[in-house]
Amino acid sequence: MARFRCTISKDKSYLQYVHSYRNEKGQPATKVLGNLGNITNLSEDEIERITLSFFKAFGIEDRFTMNKY
């Protein structure tokens, strides 16, 4: 299953697109498919545009829907 996650390093937030799977020992593991950069000073709308652009670049935007809370 692929998903976005936010990591924090040196007080900065970074957005990553990762794939979760089980390794050969059956343990949960994660592989980073793409680093989308520093999002520390971005608004929610800007982050949403980055994620949509990422989907469009790979031609997979039809597989995802945006959920607004």
C-alpha atoms as a PDB file:
ATOM      1  CA  MET A   1       0.000   0.000   0.000  1.00  0.00           C
ATOM      2  CA  ALA A   2       1.396   3.415  -0.969  1.00  0.00           C
ATOM      3  CA  ARG A   3       0.750   6.519   1.099  1.00  0.00           C
ATOM      4  CA  PHE A   4       2.144   9.910   2.035  1.00  0.00           C
ATOM      5  CA  ARG A   5       3.951  10.470   5.299  1.00  0.00           C
ATOM      6  CA  CYS A   6       5.493  13.439   6.977  1.00  0.00           C
ATOM      7  CA  THR A   7       8.909  13.139   8.624  1.00  0.00           C
ATOM      8  CA  ILE A   8      10.637  15.696  10.816  1.00  0.00           C
ATOM      9  CA  SER A   9      14.369  16.352  10.804  1.00  0.00           C
ATOM     10  CA  LYS A  10      16.114  19.311  12.399  1.00  0.00           C
ATOM     11  CA  ASP A  11      12.783  21.088  13.052  1.00  0.00           C
ATOM     12  CA  LYS A  12      11.734  20.830   9.379  1.00  0.00           C
ATOM     13  CA  SER A  13       8.882  18.733   7.965  1.00  0.00           C
ATOM     14  CA  TYR A  14       9.377  16.686   4.814  1.00  0.00           C
ATOM     15  CA  LEU A  15       6.746  14.969   2.698  1.00  0.00           C
ATOM     16  CA  GLN A  16       7.468  11.461   1.389  1.00  0.00           C
ATOM     17  CA  TYR A  17       5.529   9.010  -0.755  1.00  0.00           C
ATOM     18  CA  VAL A  18       6.148   5.543   0.707  1.00  0.00           C
ATOM     19  CA  HIS A  19       5.147   1.932   0.111  1.00  0.00           C
ATOM     20  CA  SER A  20       4.440  -0.370   3.073  1.00  0.00           C
ATOM     21  CA  TYR A  21       5.071  -4.087   2.704  1.00  0.00           C
ATOM     22  CA  ARG A  22       6.311  -7.137   4.572  1.00  0.00           C
ATOM     23  CA  ASN A  23       9.928  -8.149   4.056  1.00  0.00           C
ATOM     24  CA  GLU A  24      11.181 -11.693   3.543  1.00  0.00           C
ATOM     25  CA  LYS A  25      11.049 -12.284   7.323  1.00  0.00           C
ATOM     26  CA  GLY A  26       7.403 -11.225   7.422  1.00  0.00           C
ATOM     27  CA  GLN A  27       8.179  -7.993   9.271  1.00  0.00           C
ATOM     28  CA  PRO A  28       6.556  -4.664   8.334  1.00  0.00           C
ATOM     29  CA  ALA A  29       8.854  -2.486   6.226  1.00  0.00           C
ATOM     30  CA  THR A  30       8.628   0.779   4.304  1.00  0.00           C
ATOM     31  CA  LYS A  31      10.288   1.848   1.055  1.00  0.00           C
ATOM     32  CA  VAL A  32      10.486   5.529   0.098  1.00  0.00           C
ATOM     33  CA  LEU A  33       9.183   5.895  -3.467  1.00  0.00           C
ATOM     34  CA  GLY A  34       9.651   9.653  -3.620  1.00  0.00           C
ATOM     35  CA  ASN A  35      10.786  12.598  -1.538  1.00  0.00           C
ATOM     36  CA  LEU A  36       8.529  15.554  -2.228  1.00  0.00           C
ATOM     37  CA  GLY A  37      10.575  18.050  -0.260  1.00  0.00           C
ATOM     38  CA  ASN A  38      10.454  20.441   2.660  1.00  0.00           C
ATOM     39  CA  ILE A  39       6.878  21.419   3.504  1.00  0.00           C
ATOM     40  CA  THR A  40       7.585  23.339   6.706  1.00  0.00           C
ATOM     41  CA  ASN A  41       6.404  26.724   5.407  1.00  0.00           C
ATOM     42  CA  LEU A  42       3.702  25.532   2.985  1.00  0.00           C
ATOM     43  CA  SER A  43      -0.030  25.927   3.424  1.00  0.00           C
ATOM     44  CA  GLU A  44      -2.440  22.976   3.205  1.00  0.00           C
ATOM     45  CA  ASP A  45      -3.461  24.063  -0.298  1.00  0.00           C
ATOM     46  CA  GLU A  46       0.154  24.154  -1.472  1.00  0.00           C
ATOM     47  CA  ILE A  47       0.794  20.679  -0.070  1.00  0.00           C
ATOM     48  CA  GLU A  48      -2.349  19.420  -1.800  1.00  0.00           C
ATOM     49  CA  ARG A  49      -1.119  20.866  -5.123  1.00  0.00           C
ATOM     50  CA  ILE A  50       2.236  19.105  -4.699  1.00  0.00           C
ATOM     51  CA  THR A  51       0.583  15.743  -4.065  1.00  0.00           C
ATOM     52  CA  LEU A  52      -1.783  16.160  -7.030  1.00  0.00           C
ATOM     53  CA  SER A  53       1.142  17.104  -9.276  1.00  0.00           C
ATOM     54  CA  PHE A  54       2.973  13.986  -8.135  1.00  0.00           C
ATOM     55  CA  PHE A  55      -0.031  11.826  -9.091  1.00  0.00           C
ATOM     56  CA  LYS A  56      -0.396  13.561 -12.458  1.00  0.00           C
ATOM     57  CA  ALA A  57       3.310  13.121 -13.262  1.00  0.00           C
ATOM     58  CA  PHE A  58       2.898   9.372 -12.895  1.00  0.00           C
ATOM     59  CA  GLY A  59      -0.499   9.282 -14.601  1.00  0.00           C
ATOM     60  CA  ILE A  60      -2.232   7.812 -11.564  1.00  0.00           C
ATOM     61  CA  GLU A  61      -4.514  10.681 -10.483  1.00  0.00           C
ATOM     62  CA  ASP A  62      -7.623   8.640 -11.371  1.00  0.00           C
ATOM     63  CA  ARG A  63      -6.741   6.116  -8.624  1.00  0.00           C
ATOM     64  CA  PHE A  64      -7.033   8.662  -5.810  1.00  0.00           C
ATOM     65  CA  THR A  65      -9.693  10.890  -4.342  1.00  0.00           C
ATOM     66  CA  MET A  66      -9.133  13.883  -2.125  1.00  0.00           C
ATOM     67  CA  ASN A  67     -10.875  13.800   1.244  1.00  0.00           C
ATOM     68  CA  LYS A  68     -11.731  17.123   2.814  1.00  0.00           C
ATOM     69  CA  TYR A  69     -12.389  16.981   6.556  1.00  0.00           C
END
